[in-house]
Amino acid sequence: MKILAIEREVPHIDPLAFTPELLRAEALCAWKLYQEGVVRELYFRADRTEAVLILECAHVEEAAATLDTLPLVQAGLVAFDLMPLKAYPGFARLFGSLDSEP
């Protein structure tokens, strides 16, 4: 299942808490998750410095547990909203029922 993870702001965080060492550890962990095929896509929003990830997990709880391994999440500096996704079924409206072939 694809899970959309959108970073949300954690209030009252000192920007100095995002140390170079912590950010490097975050990038390394994200890279490992990408190499494992769990993180499929990883972006930053164009209007803010917040991450948007697409994860491939069995369920939302697995995605949450995966994100909990990120150093910035462990440090309480970032949090994510998770949304399970499913394939868009609307194209079937263009072609009628796929089960009824001529």
PDB file of N, CA and C in Angstrom:
ATOM      1  N   MET A   1       0.844  -1.168   0.000  1.00  0.00           N
ATOM      2  CA  MET A   1       0.000   0.000   0.000  1.00  0.00           C
ATOM      3  C   MET A   1       0.894   1.238   0.000  1.00  0.00           C
ATOM      4  N   LYS A   2       0.496   2.199  -0.784  1.00  0.00           N
ATOM      5  CA  LYS A   2       1.222   3.472  -0.788  1.00  0.00           C
ATOM      6  C   LYS A   2       0.673   4.358   0.327  1.00  0.00           C
ATOM      7  N   ILE A   3       1.581   4.988   1.033  1.00  0.00           N
ATOM      8  CA  ILE A   3       1.230   5.893   2.127  1.00  0.00           C
ATOM      9  C   ILE A   3       1.870   7.245   1.838  1.00  0.00           C
ATOM     10  N   LEU A   4       1.069   8.294   1.872  1.00  0.00           N
ATOM     11  CA  LEU A   4       1.578   9.654   1.735  1.00  0.00           C
ATOM     12  C   LEU A   4       1.881  10.178   3.126  1.00  0.00           C
ATOM     13  N   ALA A   5       3.106  10.641   3.329  1.00  0.00           N
ATOM     14  CA  ALA A   5       3.531  11.196   4.615  1.00  0.00           C
ATOM     15  C   ALA A   5       3.908  12.663   4.402  1.00  0.00           C
ATOM     16  N   ILE A   6       3.196  13.537   5.078  1.00  0.00           N
ATOM     17  CA  ILE A   6       3.449  14.969   4.957  1.00  0.00           C
ATOM     18  C   ILE A   6       3.938  15.484   6.303  1.00  0.00           C
ATOM     19  N   GLU A   7       5.125  16.049   6.285  1.00  0.00           N
ATOM     20  CA  GLU A   7       5.698  16.590   7.511  1.00  0.00           C
ATOM     21  C   GLU A   7       4.847  17.761   7.985  1.00  0.00           C
ATOM     22  N   ARG A   8       4.646  17.820   9.297  1.00  0.00           N
ATOM     23  CA  ARG A   8       3.956  18.973   9.871  1.00  0.00           C
ATOM     24  C   ARG A   8       4.856  19.616  10.924  1.00  0.00           C
ATOM     25  N   GLU A   9       4.652  20.878  11.079  1.00  0.00           N
ATOM     26  CA  GLU A   9       5.475  21.658  12.004  1.00  0.00           C
ATOM     27  C   GLU A   9       5.236  21.211  13.442  1.00  0.00           C
ATOM     28  N   VAL A  10       6.314  21.079  14.173  1.00  0.00           N
ATOM     29  CA  VAL A  10       6.244  20.843  15.609  1.00  0.00           C
ATOM     30  C   VAL A  10       6.475  22.207  16.264  1.00  0.00           C
ATOM     31  N   PRO A  11       5.509  22.686  17.039  1.00  0.00           N
ATOM     32  CA  PRO A  11       5.646  24.042  17.599  1.00  0.00           C
ATOM     33  C   PRO A  11       6.793  24.157  18.607  1.00  0.00           C
ATOM     34  N   HIS A  12       7.307  25.366  18.688  1.00  0.00           N
ATOM     35  CA  HIS A  12       8.302  25.759  19.696  1.00  0.00           C
ATOM     36  C   HIS A  12       9.629  25.005  19.577  1.00  0.00           C
ATOM     37  N   ILE A  13      10.051  24.723  18.354  1.00  0.00           N
ATOM     38  CA  ILE A  13      11.335  24.053  18.120  1.00  0.00           C
ATOM     39  C   ILE A  13      12.382  25.108  17.789  1.00  0.00           C
ATOM     40  N   ASP A  14      13.505  25.031  18.463  1.00  0.00           N
ATOM     41  CA  ASP A  14      14.625  25.932  18.193  1.00  0.00           C
ATOM     42  C   ASP A  14      15.299  25.486  16.897  1.00  0.00           C
ATOM     43  N   PRO A  15      15.384  26.355  15.899  1.00  0.00           N
ATOM     44  CA  PRO A  15      16.035  25.981  14.638  1.00  0.00           C
ATOM     45  C   PRO A  15      17.471  25.485  14.825  1.00  0.00           C
ATOM     46  N   LEU A  16      18.132  25.898  15.896  1.00  0.00           N
ATOM     47  CA  LEU A  16      19.499  25.443  16.149  1.00  0.00           C
ATOM     48  C   LEU A  16      19.562  23.969  16.554  1.00  0.00           C
ATOM     49  N   ALA A  17      18.400  23.385  16.858  1.00  0.00           N
ATOM     50  CA  ALA A  17      18.367  21.961  17.201  1.00  0.00           C
ATOM     51  C   ALA A  17      18.656  21.086  15.983  1.00  0.00           C
ATOM     52  N   PHE A  18      18.489  21.635  14.798  1.00  0.00           N
ATOM     53  CA  PHE A  18      18.765  20.901  13.563  1.00  0.00           C
ATOM     54  C   PHE A  18      20.260  21.010  13.255  1.00  0.00           C
ATOM     55  N   THR A  19      21.059  20.251  13.982  1.00  0.00           N
ATOM     56  CA  THR A  19      22.508  20.320  13.842  1.00  0.00           C
ATOM     57  C   THR A  19      22.953  19.622  12.554  1.00  0.00           C
ATOM     58  N   PRO A  20      24.106  19.977  12.033  1.00  0.00           N
ATOM     59  CA  PRO A  20      24.611  19.289  10.838  1.00  0.00           C
ATOM     60  C   PRO A  20      24.730  17.777  11.037  1.00  0.00           C
ATOM     61  N   GLU A  21      25.133  17.350  12.219  1.00  0.00           N
ATOM     62  CA  GLU A  21      25.268  15.917  12.493  1.00  0.00           C
ATOM     63  C   GLU A  21      23.911  15.211  12.443  1.00  0.00           C
ATOM     64  N   LEU A  22      22.905  15.847  13.028  1.00  0.00           N
ATOM     65  CA  LEU A  22      21.565  15.270  13.036  1.00  0.00           C
ATOM     66  C   LEU A  22      20.975  15.233  11.626  1.00  0.00           C
ATOM     67  N   LEU A  23      21.191  16.280  10.858  1.00  0.00           N
ATOM     68  CA  LEU A  23      20.690  16.320   9.485  1.00  0.00           C
ATOM     69  C   LEU A  23      21.384  15.284   8.608  1.00  0.00           C
ATOM     70  N   ARG A  24      22.681  15.056   8.853  1.00  0.00           N
ATOM     71  CA  ARG A  24      23.397  14.017   8.106  1.00  0.00           C
ATOM     72  C   ARG A  24      22.861  12.638   8.457  1.00  0.00           C
ATOM     73  N   ALA A  25      22.606  12.406   9.753  1.00  0.00           N
ATOM     74  CA  ALA A  25      22.039  11.126  10.192  1.00  0.00           C
ATOM     75  C   ALA A  25      20.655  10.915   9.584  1.00  0.00           C
ATOM     76  N   GLU A  26      19.879  11.982   9.482  1.00  0.00           N
ATOM     77  CA  GLU A  26      18.555  11.907   8.862  1.00  0.00           C
ATOM     78  C   GLU A  26      18.669  11.504   7.386  1.00  0.00           C
ATOM     79  N   ALA A  27      19.581  12.154   6.673  1.00  0.00           N
ATOM     80  CA  ALA A  27      19.771  11.852   5.254  1.00  0.00           C
ATOM     81  C   ALA A  27      20.237  10.402   5.073  1.00  0.00           C
ATOM     82  N   LEU A  28      21.112   9.923   5.934  1.00  0.00           N
ATOM     83  CA  LEU A  28      21.591   8.549   5.850  1.00  0.00           C
ATOM     84  C   LEU A  28      20.453   7.559   6.086  1.00  0.00           C
ATOM     85  N   CYS A  29      19.626   7.823   7.078  1.00  0.00           N
ATOM     86  CA  CYS A  29      18.497   6.946   7.369  1.00  0.00           C
ATOM     87  C   CYS A  29      17.500   6.961   6.206  1.00  0.00           C
ATOM     88  N   ALA A  30      17.214   8.127   5.659  1.00  0.00           N
ATOM     89  CA  ALA A  30      16.308   8.234   4.510  1.00  0.00           C
ATOM     90  C   ALA A  30      16.870   7.470   3.319  1.00  0.00           C
ATOM     91  N   TRP A  31      18.189   7.563   3.111  1.00  0.00           N
ATOM     92  CA  TRP A  31      18.835   6.845   2.013  1.00  0.00           C
ATOM     93  C   TRP A  31      18.671   5.333   2.185  1.00  0.00           C
ATOM     94  N   LYS A  32      18.866   4.848   3.402  1.00  0.00           N
ATOM     95  CA  LYS A  32      18.724   3.412   3.665  1.00  0.00           C
ATOM     96  C   LYS A  32      17.294   2.951   3.401  1.00  0.00           C
ATOM     97  N   LEU A  33      16.316   3.734   3.850  1.00  0.00           N
ATOM     98  CA  LEU A  33      14.917   3.388   3.621  1.00  0.00           C
ATOM     99  C   LEU A  33      14.576   3.428   2.133  1.00  0.00           C
ATOM    100  N   TYR A  34      15.197   4.348   1.403  1.00  0.00           N
ATOM    101  CA  TYR A  34      15.004   4.416  -0.041  1.00  0.00           C
ATOM    102  C   TYR A  34      15.595   3.173  -0.716  1.00  0.00           C
ATOM    103  N   GLN A  35      16.793   2.795  -0.303  1.00  0.00           N
ATOM    104  CA  GLN A  35      17.448   1.617  -0.867  1.00  0.00           C
ATOM    105  C   GLN A  35      16.681   0.334  -0.560  1.00  0.00           C
ATOM    106  N   GLU A  36      15.986   0.305   0.573  1.00  0.00           N
ATOM    107  CA  GLU A  36      15.185  -0.859   0.953  1.00  0.00           C
ATOM    108  C   GLU A  36      13.846  -0.898   0.217  1.00  0.00           C
ATOM    109  N   GLY A  37      13.496   0.173  -0.480  1.00  0.00           N
ATOM    110  CA  GLY A  37      12.232   0.234  -1.205  1.00  0.00           C
ATOM    111  C   GLY A  37      11.049   0.640  -0.351  1.00  0.00           C
ATOM    112  N   VAL A  38      11.294   1.060   0.870  1.00  0.00           N
ATOM    113  CA  VAL A  38      10.205   1.506   1.748  1.00  0.00           C
ATOM    114  C   VAL A  38       9.833   2.940   1.414  1.00  0.00           C
ATOM    115  N   VAL A  39      10.819   3.808   1.321  1.00  0.00           N
ATOM    116  CA  VAL A  39      10.586   5.169   0.845  1.00  0.00           C
ATOM    117  C   VAL A  39      10.732   5.126  -0.672  1.00  0.00           C
ATOM    118  N   ARG A  40       9.634   5.376  -1.371  1.00  0.00           N
ATOM    119  CA  ARG A  40       9.640   5.312  -2.831  1.00  0.00           C
ATOM    120  C   ARG A  40       9.966   6.659  -3.459  1.00  0.00           C
ATOM    121  N   GLU A  41       9.484   7.724  -2.828  1.00  0.00           N
ATOM    122  CA  GLU A  41       9.730   9.077  -3.320  1.00  0.00           C
ATOM    123  C   GLU A  41       9.912   9.988  -2.111  1.00  0.00           C
ATOM    124  N   LEU A  42      10.736  11.007  -2.288  1.00  0.00           N
ATOM    125  CA  LEU A  42      11.054  11.919  -1.192  1.00  0.00           C
ATOM    126  C   LEU A  42      11.227  13.317  -1.768  1.00  0.00           C
ATOM    127  N   TYR A  43      10.470  14.256  -1.236  1.00  0.00           N
ATOM    128  CA  TYR A  43      10.485  15.629  -1.738  1.00  0.00           C
ATOM    129  C   TYR A  43      10.525  16.614  -0.573  1.00  0.00           C
ATOM    130  N   PHE A  44      10.828  17.863  -0.898  1.00  0.00           N
ATOM    131  CA  PHE A  44      10.544  18.989  -0.022  1.00  0.00           C
ATOM    132  C   PHE A  44       9.474  19.820  -0.696  1.00  0.00           C
ATOM    133  N   ARG A  45       8.596  20.382   0.090  1.00  0.00           N
ATOM    134  CA  ARG A  45       7.616  21.295  -0.475  1.00  0.00           C
ATOM    135  C   ARG A  45       8.345  22.495  -1.068  1.00  0.00           C
ATOM    136  N   ALA A  46       7.814  23.053  -2.138  1.00  0.00           N
ATOM    137  CA  ALA A  46       8.437  24.210  -2.786  1.00  0.00           C
ATOM    138  C   ALA A  46       8.211  25.480  -1.994  1.00  0.00           C
ATOM    139  N   ASP A  47       7.158  25.511  -1.175  1.00  0.00           N
ATOM    140  CA  ASP A  47       6.820  26.730  -0.441  1.00  0.00           C
ATOM    141  C   ASP A  47       7.301  26.739   1.006  1.00  0.00           C
ATOM    142  N   ARG A  48       7.753  25.584   1.506  1.00  0.00           N
ATOM    143  CA  ARG A  48       8.253  25.481   2.884  1.00  0.00           C
ATOM    144  C   ARG A  48       9.286  24.366   2.937  1.00  0.00           C
ATOM    145  N   THR A  49      10.098  24.365   3.971  1.00  0.00           N
ATOM    146  CA  THR A  49      11.087  23.284   4.114  1.00  0.00           C
ATOM    147  C   THR A  49      10.490  22.149   4.938  1.00  0.00           C
ATOM    148  N   GLU A  50       9.466  21.527   4.383  1.00  0.00           N
ATOM    149  CA  GLU A  50       8.838  20.369   5.004  1.00  0.00           C
ATOM    150  C   GLU A  50       8.852  19.229   4.003  1.00  0.00           C
ATOM    151  N   ALA A  51       9.109  18.043   4.501  1.00  0.00           N
ATOM    152  CA  ALA A  51       9.241  16.867   3.640  1.00  0.00           C
ATOM    153  C   ALA A  51       7.891  16.268   3.282  1.00  0.00           C
ATOM    154  N   VAL A  52       7.852  15.664   2.110  1.00  0.00           N
ATOM    155  CA  VAL A  52       6.709  14.886   1.638  1.00  0.00           C
ATOM    156  C   VAL A  52       7.278  13.574   1.115  1.00  0.00           C
ATOM    157  N   LEU A  53       6.797  12.468   1.662  1.00  0.00           N
ATOM    158  CA  LEU A  53       7.309  11.151   1.287  1.00  0.00           C
ATOM    159  C   LEU A  53       6.175  10.268   0.790  1.00  0.00           C
ATOM    160  N   ILE A  54       6.514   9.386  -0.121  1.00  0.00           N
ATOM    161  CA  ILE A  54       5.634   8.287  -0.514  1.00  0.00           C
ATOM    162  C   ILE A  54       6.314   7.016  -0.026  1.00  0.00           C
ATOM    163  N   LEU A  55       5.626   6.282   0.829  1.00  0.00           N
ATOM    164  CA  LEU A  55       6.156   5.038   1.375  1.00  0.00           C
ATOM    165  C   LEU A  55       5.367   3.858   0.826  1.00  0.00           C
ATOM    166  N   GLU A  56       6.012   2.717   0.744  1.00  0.00           N
ATOM    167  CA  GLU A  56       5.358   1.462   0.372  1.00  0.00           C
ATOM    168  C   GLU A  56       5.395   0.574   1.603  1.00  0.00           C
ATOM    169  N   CYS A  57       4.228   0.419   2.243  1.00  0.00           N
ATOM    170  CA  CYS A  57       4.123  -0.348   3.480  1.00  0.00           C
ATOM    171  C   CYS A  57       2.843  -1.169   3.458  1.00  0.00           C
ATOM    172  N   ALA A  58       2.770  -2.176   4.313  1.00  0.00           N
ATOM    173  CA  ALA A  58       1.583  -3.025   4.376  1.00  0.00           C
ATOM    174  C   ALA A  58       0.385  -2.258   4.919  1.00  0.00           C
ATOM    175  N   HIS A  59       0.624  -1.311   5.820  1.00  0.00           N
ATOM    176  CA  HIS A  59      -0.462  -0.553   6.426  1.00  0.00           C
ATOM    177  C   HIS A  59       0.103   0.717   7.054  1.00  0.00           C
ATOM    178  N   VAL A  60      -0.780   1.584   7.493  1.00  0.00           N
ATOM    179  CA  VAL A  60      -0.389   2.891   8.045  1.00  0.00           C
ATOM    180  C   VAL A  60       0.482   2.726   9.286  1.00  0.00           C
ATOM    181  N   GLU A  61       0.177   1.730  10.101  1.00  0.00           N
ATOM    182  CA  GLU A  61       0.959   1.521  11.324  1.00  0.00           C
ATOM    183  C   GLU A  61       2.413   1.185  11.009  1.00  0.00           C
ATOM    184  N   GLU A  62       2.629   0.416   9.954  1.00  0.00           N
ATOM    185  CA  GLU A  62       3.999   0.104   9.535  1.00  0.00           C
ATOM    186  C   GLU A  62       4.714   1.367   9.061  1.00  0.00           C
ATOM    187  N   ALA A  63       3.998   2.208   8.330  1.00  0.00           N
ATOM    188  CA  ALA A  63       4.588   3.470   7.873  1.00  0.00           C
ATOM    189  C   ALA A  63       4.958   4.349   9.064  1.00  0.00           C
ATOM    190  N   ALA A  64       4.088   4.421  10.056  1.00  0.00           N
ATOM    191  CA  ALA A  64       4.380   5.218  11.250  1.00  0.00           C
ATOM    192  C   ALA A  64       5.606   4.682  11.979  1.00  0.00           C
ATOM    193  N   ALA A  65       5.693   3.372  12.112  1.00  0.00           N
ATOM    194  CA  ALA A  65       6.853   2.767  12.776  1.00  0.00           C
ATOM    195  C   ALA A  65       8.127   3.035  11.990  1.00  0.00           C
ATOM    196  N   THR A  66       8.034   3.008  10.672  1.00  0.00           N
ATOM    197  CA  THR A  66       9.197   3.308   9.830  1.00  0.00           C
ATOM    198  C   THR A  66       9.648   4.745  10.029  1.00  0.00           C
ATOM    199  N   LEU A  67       8.706   5.673  10.003  1.00  0.00           N
ATOM    200  CA  LEU A  67       9.062   7.085  10.179  1.00  0.00           C
ATOM    201  C   LEU A  67       9.619   7.345  11.572  1.00  0.00           C
ATOM    202  N   ASP A  68       9.198   6.559  12.543  1.00  0.00           N
ATOM    203  CA  ASP A  68       9.721   6.710  13.908  1.00  0.00           C
ATOM    204  C   ASP A  68      11.205   6.376  14.003  1.00  0.00           C
ATOM    205  N   THR A  69      11.767   5.720  12.980  1.00  0.00           N
ATOM    206  CA  THR A  69      13.202   5.422  12.989  1.00  0.00           C
ATOM    207  C   THR A  69      14.039   6.615  12.524  1.00  0.00           C
ATOM    208  N   LEU A  70      13.401   7.626  11.944  1.00  0.00           N
ATOM    209  CA  LEU A  70      14.151   8.796  11.466  1.00  0.00           C
ATOM    210  C   LEU A  70      14.681   9.605  12.646  1.00  0.00           C
ATOM    211  N   PRO A  71      15.935  10.003  12.608  1.00  0.00           N
ATOM    212  CA  PRO A  71      16.521  10.747  13.717  1.00  0.00           C
ATOM    213  C   PRO A  71      15.773  12.030  14.084  1.00  0.00           C
ATOM    214  N   LEU A  72      15.254  12.756  13.099  1.00  0.00           N
ATOM    215  CA  LEU A  72      14.534  13.991  13.417  1.00  0.00           C
ATOM    216  C   LEU A  72      13.208  13.710  14.122  1.00  0.00           C
ATOM    217  N   VAL A  73      12.575  12.586  13.781  1.00  0.00           N
ATOM    218  CA  VAL A  73      11.352  12.181  14.479  1.00  0.00           C
ATOM    219  C   VAL A  73      11.705  11.751  15.901  1.00  0.00           C
ATOM    220  N   GLN A  74      12.768  10.960  16.033  1.00  0.00           N
ATOM    221  CA  GLN A  74      13.191  10.500  17.356  1.00  0.00           C
ATOM    222  C   GLN A  74      13.549  11.667  18.273  1.00  0.00           C
ATOM    223  N   ALA A  75      14.097  12.731  17.693  1.00  0.00           N
ATOM    224  CA  ALA A  75      14.474  13.904  18.477  1.00  0.00           C
ATOM    225  C   ALA A  75      13.275  14.815  18.756  1.00  0.00           C
ATOM    226  N   GLY A  76      12.114  14.482  18.196  1.00  0.00           N
ATOM    227  CA  GLY A  76      10.925  15.298  18.420  1.00  0.00           C
ATOM    228  C   GLY A  76      10.905  16.593  17.629  1.00  0.00           C
ATOM    229  N   LEU A  77      11.725  16.666  16.577  1.00  0.00           N
ATOM    230  CA  LEU A  77      11.839  17.901  15.804  1.00  0.00           C
ATOM    231  C   LEU A  77      10.878  17.954  14.624  1.00  0.00           C
ATOM    232  N   VAL A  78      10.432  16.804  14.143  1.00  0.00           N
ATOM    233  CA  VAL A  78       9.458  16.753  13.056  1.00  0.00           C
ATOM    234  C   VAL A  78       8.420  15.680  13.370  1.00  0.00           C
ATOM    235  N   ALA A  79       7.265  15.825  12.746  1.00  0.00           N
ATOM    236  CA  ALA A  79       6.190  14.832  12.845  1.00  0.00           C
ATOM    237  C   ALA A  79       5.545  14.734  11.469  1.00  0.00           C
ATOM    238  N   PHE A  80       4.787  13.674  11.256  1.00  0.00           N
ATOM    239  CA  PHE A  80       4.172  13.443   9.956  1.00  0.00           C
ATOM    240  C   PHE A  80       2.690  13.136  10.096  1.00  0.00           C
ATOM    241  N   ASP A  81       1.916  13.608   9.134  1.00  0.00           N
ATOM    242  CA  ASP A  81       0.542  13.166   8.940  1.00  0.00           C
ATOM    243  C   ASP A  81       0.590  12.084   7.871  1.00  0.00           C
ATOM    244  N   LEU A  82      -0.110  10.974   8.103  1.00  0.00           N
ATOM    245  CA  LEU A  82      -0.074   9.835   7.187  1.00  0.00           C
ATOM    246  C   LEU A  82      -1.445   9.630   6.547  1.00  0.00           C
ATOM    247  N   MET A  83      -1.416   9.371   5.237  1.00  0.00           N
ATOM    248  CA  MET A  83      -2.638   9.118   4.488  1.00  0.00           C
ATOM    249  C   MET A  83      -2.454   7.904   3.601  1.00  0.00           C
ATOM    250  N   PRO A  84      -3.281   6.852   3.809  1.00  0.00           N
ATOM    251  CA  PRO A  84      -3.205   5.705   2.906  1.00  0.00           C
ATOM    252  C   PRO A  84      -3.805   6.092   1.551  1.00  0.00           C
ATOM    253  N   LEU A  85      -3.193   5.597   0.491  1.00  0.00           N
ATOM    254  CA  LEU A  85      -3.648   5.911  -0.866  1.00  0.00           C
ATOM    255  C   LEU A  85      -4.117   4.649  -1.566  1.00  0.00           C
ATOM    256  N   LYS A  86      -5.037   4.818  -2.509  1.00  0.00           N
ATOM    257  CA  LYS A  86      -5.450   3.709  -3.369  1.00  0.00           C
ATOM    258  C   LYS A  86      -5.494   4.229  -4.794  1.00  0.00           C
ATOM    259  N   ALA A  87      -5.486   3.309  -5.731  1.00  0.00           N
ATOM    260  CA  ALA A  87      -5.486   3.679  -7.140  1.00  0.00           C
ATOM    261  C   ALA A  87      -6.773   4.424  -7.489  1.00  0.00           C
ATOM    262  N   TYR A  88      -6.665   5.365  -8.379  1.00  0.00           N
ATOM    263  CA  TYR A  88      -7.802   6.142  -8.856  1.00  0.00           C
ATOM    264  C   TYR A  88      -8.659   5.262  -9.757  1.00  0.00           C
ATOM    265  N   PRO A  89      -9.947   5.053  -9.430  1.00  0.00           N
ATOM    266  CA  PRO A  89     -10.792   4.173 -10.242  1.00  0.00           C
ATOM    267  C   PRO A  89     -11.577   4.899 -11.339  1.00  0.00           C
ATOM    268  N   GLY A  90     -11.443   6.215 -11.418  1.00  0.00           N
ATOM    269  CA  GLY A  90     -12.290   7.010 -12.294  1.00  0.00           C
ATOM    270  C   GLY A  90     -12.132   6.770 -13.779  1.00  0.00           C
ATOM    271  N   PHE A  91     -10.996   6.255 -14.221  1.00  0.00           N
ATOM    272  CA  PHE A  91     -10.817   6.040 -15.653  1.00  0.00           C
ATOM    273  C   PHE A  91     -11.807   5.010 -16.198  1.00  0.00           C
ATOM    274  N   ALA A  92     -12.309   4.127 -15.360  1.00  0.00           N
ATOM    275  CA  ALA A  92     -13.288   3.135 -15.806  1.00  0.00           C
ATOM    276  C   ALA A  92     -14.531   3.821 -16.362  1.00  0.00           C
ATOM    277  N   ARG A  93     -14.826   5.031 -15.900  1.00  0.00           N
ATOM    278  CA  ARG A  93     -15.974   5.777 -16.406  1.00  0.00           C
ATOM    279  C   ARG A  93     -15.817   6.112 -17.889  1.00  0.00           C
ATOM    280  N   LEU A  94     -14.601   6.162 -18.364  1.00  0.00           N
ATOM    281  CA  LEU A  94     -14.354   6.487 -19.764  1.00  0.00           C
ATOM    282  C   LEU A  94     -14.635   5.309 -20.690  1.00  0.00           C
ATOM    283  N   PHE A  95     -14.477   4.116 -20.176  1.00  0.00           N
ATOM    284  CA  PHE A  95     -14.514   2.941 -21.033  1.00  0.00           C
ATOM    285  C   PHE A  95     -15.623   1.959 -20.679  1.00  0.00           C
ATOM    286  N   GLY A  96     -16.409   2.272 -19.692  1.00  0.00           N
ATOM    287  CA  GLY A  96     -17.436   1.344 -19.254  1.00  0.00           C
ATOM    288  C   GLY A  96     -16.833   0.241 -18.431  1.00  0.00           C
ATOM    289  N   SER A  97     -17.578  -0.763 -18.203  1.00  0.00           N
ATOM    290  CA  SER A  97     -17.121  -1.885 -17.393  1.00  0.00           C
ATOM    291  C   SER A  97     -16.024  -2.645 -18.138  1.00  0.00           C
ATOM    292  N   LEU A  98     -14.956  -2.937 -17.443  1.00  0.00           N
ATOM    293  CA  LEU A  98     -13.871  -3.703 -18.038  1.00  0.00           C
ATOM    294  C   LEU A  98     -14.246  -5.170 -18.199  1.00  0.00           C
ATOM    295  N   ASP A  99     -15.287  -5.615 -17.463  1.00  0.00           N
ATOM    296  CA  ASP A  99     -15.707  -7.006 -17.532  1.00  0.00           C
ATOM    297  C   ASP A  99     -16.539  -7.308 -18.780  1.00  0.00           C
ATOM    298  N   SER A 100     -17.141  -6.274 -19.372  1.00  0.00           N
ATOM    299  CA  SER A 100     -18.025  -6.515 -20.526  1.00  0.00           C
ATOM    300  C   SER A 100     -17.306  -6.217 -21.822  1.00  0.00           C
ATOM    301  N   GLU A 101     -16.698  -7.245 -22.381  1.00  0.00           N
ATOM    302  CA  GLU A 101     -16.003  -7.092 -23.663  1.00  0.00           C
ATOM    303  C   GLU A 101     -16.973  -7.438 -24.786  1.00  0.00           C
ATOM    304  N   PRO A 102     -16.859  -6.775 -25.945  1.00  0.00           N
ATOM    305  CA  PRO A 102     -17.780  -7.060 -27.066  1.00  0.00           C
ATOM    306  C   PRO A 102     -17.612  -8.444 -27.637  1.00  0.00           C
TER     307      PRO A 102
END
